[in-house]
Amino acid sequence: MTKIRLTRLFTFEMAHALNGYDGACRHIHGHSYKLQVTIIGTPLADKASPKNGMVLDFSDLKQLVQEAILNQLDHALLLADDSSPELIALLEKLHHKLELVSYQPTCENMLLDFKARLQKILPASVSLHSLKLWETQNSFAEWFASDEI
């Protein structure tokens, strides 16, 4: 049967800082991110199912992304876990929404993290086709499953 791609766009607010970077992004700063998630699959062909004709219900895709990514990162500060211990301690003491990751929180690395998070929880009937993450209105990174070797 023919494969169909479904795409949903998400927006969230998040801050980050790049350790050791030689530009302004080494300082804590925020972005209004846009995340485009595209899955691929075959529409369900079961007239008895309320999901008949759907690859995946858009509301189910929304819930999966919400649980895997947005609940943790929306209005959070994303920092590498090797950031200044003093900074981390202060942020935790002040009860900021802090997410520590094992990577430099660039747009590219965030996409790889999001890919891994989503691939773990997507139903077997679909697969992740692509991700696109806008850090600003004019700058984005993309990941495509077809580029994996």
Protein backbone atom coordinates (compact mmCIF):
# COMPACT_ATOMS: atom_id res chain seq x y z
CA MET A 1 0.00 0.00 0.00
CA THR A 2 0.99 3.60 -0.48
CA LYS A 3 2.92 5.31 2.29
CA ILE A 4 1.74 8.69 3.56
CA ARG A 5 3.72 11.28 5.49
CA LEU A 6 2.08 13.19 8.33
CA THR A 7 3.59 16.38 9.70
CA ARG A 8 2.80 18.39 12.79
CA LEU A 9 4.40 21.68 13.82
CA PHE A 10 5.14 22.47 17.46
CA THR A 11 6.38 25.66 19.11
CA PHE A 12 8.15 26.07 22.42
CA GLU A 13 10.29 28.53 24.32
CA MET A 14 13.68 27.44 25.62
CA ALA A 15 17.02 28.88 26.65
CA HIS A 16 20.47 27.37 26.27
CA ALA A 17 24.16 28.22 26.33
CA LEU A 18 27.07 26.72 24.41
CA ASN A 19 30.10 25.87 26.56
CA GLY A 20 33.39 27.00 25.05
CA TYR A 21 31.76 28.62 22.03
CA ASP A 22 33.65 31.62 20.63
CA GLY A 23 30.59 33.81 20.03
CA ALA A 24 27.61 35.33 21.81
CA CYS A 25 25.85 31.95 22.15
CA ARG A 26 28.22 31.01 24.97
CA HIS A 27 25.95 33.18 27.16
CA ILE A 28 22.56 31.98 28.36
CA HIS A 29 19.95 33.14 25.84
CA GLY A 30 16.54 32.02 24.64
CA HIS A 31 14.74 31.19 21.42
CA SER A 32 11.21 30.65 20.22
CA TYR A 33 11.74 27.22 18.67
CA LYS A 34 9.61 25.56 16.02
CA LEU A 35 9.81 21.79 15.66
CA GLN A 36 8.39 20.03 12.62
CA VAL A 37 7.87 16.30 13.10
CA THR A 38 7.10 14.11 10.08
CA ILE A 39 6.20 10.45 10.37
CA ILE A 40 5.52 7.96 7.59
CA GLY A 41 3.22 4.95 7.43
CA THR A 42 0.33 3.26 5.72
CA PRO A 43 -3.21 4.43 6.46
CA LEU A 44 -5.20 1.97 8.54
CA ALA A 45 -7.61 -0.04 6.37
CA ASP A 46 -10.10 -1.23 8.97
CA LYS A 47 -13.66 0.04 8.47
CA ALA A 48 -14.54 -1.05 11.99
CA SER A 49 -11.89 1.19 13.55
CA PRO A 50 -12.54 4.85 14.39
CA LYS A 51 -8.98 5.46 13.10
CA ASN A 52 -9.81 4.00 9.67
CA GLY A 53 -7.88 5.84 6.94
CA MET A 54 -5.36 7.37 9.36
CA VAL A 55 -1.62 6.79 9.49
CA LEU A 56 -1.77 8.10 13.06
CA ASP A 57 -4.27 10.41 14.68
CA PHE A 58 -2.80 13.93 14.75
CA SER A 59 -3.82 14.20 18.40
CA ASP A 60 -1.83 11.03 19.17
CA LEU A 61 1.24 12.49 17.47
CA LYS A 62 0.79 15.69 19.48
CA GLN A 63 0.61 13.70 22.72
CA LEU A 64 3.74 11.68 21.87
CA VAL A 65 5.82 14.81 21.14
CA GLN A 66 4.42 16.53 24.21
CA GLU A 67 5.47 13.64 26.44
CA ALA A 68 8.85 12.95 24.84
CA ILE A 69 10.09 16.51 24.33
CA LEU A 70 7.90 19.49 25.18
CA ASN A 71 6.98 18.66 28.77
CA GLN A 72 10.68 18.60 29.65
CA LEU A 73 11.99 21.44 27.48
CA ASP A 74 9.30 24.11 27.10
CA HIS A 75 10.34 27.14 29.19
CA ALA A 76 13.46 25.32 30.37
CA LEU A 77 17.16 26.11 30.33
CA LEU A 78 19.11 23.42 28.46
CA LEU A 79 22.76 23.10 29.49
CA ALA A 80 25.48 20.54 28.96
CA ASP A 81 25.99 18.50 32.12
CA ASP A 82 29.64 19.59 32.24
CA SER A 83 28.62 23.25 32.70
CA SER A 84 29.87 25.22 35.67
CA PRO A 85 28.94 23.33 38.85
CA GLU A 86 28.42 26.66 40.60
CA LEU A 87 25.95 27.80 37.93
CA ILE A 88 24.07 24.51 38.04
CA ALA A 89 23.88 24.62 41.85
CA LEU A 90 22.58 28.20 41.81
CA LEU A 91 19.94 27.46 39.18
CA GLU A 92 18.79 24.40 41.10
CA LYS A 93 18.71 26.36 44.37
CA LEU A 94 16.51 28.98 42.69
CA HIS A 95 14.22 26.20 41.35
CA HIS A 96 14.70 27.07 37.69
CA LYS A 97 13.50 24.55 35.13
CA LEU A 98 16.91 23.17 34.22
CA GLU A 99 17.57 20.28 31.86
CA LEU A 100 21.10 18.91 31.81
CA VAL A 101 22.15 16.92 28.74
CA SER A 102 25.27 14.97 27.86
CA TYR A 103 25.92 17.00 24.71
CA GLN A 104 26.59 20.55 23.56
CA PRO A 105 23.02 21.92 23.17
CA THR A 106 23.29 23.05 19.56
CA CYS A 107 20.32 22.90 17.22
CA GLU A 108 21.94 19.93 15.45
CA ASN A 109 22.54 17.93 18.64
CA MET A 110 19.06 18.71 19.91
CA LEU A 111 17.64 17.20 16.71
CA LEU A 112 19.59 13.99 17.30
CA ASP A 113 18.28 13.88 20.88
CA PHE A 114 14.70 14.46 19.70
CA LYS A 115 15.10 11.74 17.07
CA ALA A 116 16.20 9.23 19.70
CA ARG A 117 13.40 10.21 22.09
CA LEU A 118 10.71 9.88 19.45
CA GLN A 119 11.98 6.65 17.90
CA LYS A 120 11.68 4.98 21.31
CA ILE A 121 7.97 5.74 21.65
CA LEU A 122 6.45 5.81 18.17
CA PRO A 123 3.99 3.00 17.44
CA ALA A 124 5.37 0.16 15.32
CA SER A 125 2.94 1.08 12.54
CA VAL A 126 4.82 4.31 11.75
CA SER A 127 8.40 5.49 11.55
CA LEU A 128 10.08 8.83 11.92
CA HIS A 129 10.66 10.35 8.49
CA SER A 130 12.19 13.75 9.30
CA LEU A 131 12.63 16.50 11.85
CA LYS A 132 13.19 20.21 11.32
CA LEU A 133 14.10 22.53 14.19
CA TRP A 134 14.05 26.30 13.75
CA GLU A 135 16.21 28.10 16.28
CA THR A 136 15.29 31.46 14.80
CA GLN A 137 12.92 32.54 12.06
CA ASN A 138 15.75 32.23 9.53
CA SER A 139 17.92 29.41 10.89
CA PHE A 140 17.11 25.73 11.21
CA ALA A 141 18.57 22.24 11.16
CA GLU A 142 17.02 19.17 9.54
CA TRP A 143 17.30 15.42 10.01
CA PHE A 144 16.02 12.84 7.49
CA ALA A 145 15.82 9.11 8.13
CA SER A 146 16.87 8.54 4.52
CA ASP A 147 20.25 10.13 5.29
CA GLU A 148 21.06 7.49 7.92
CA ILE A 149 23.59 4.96 6.72
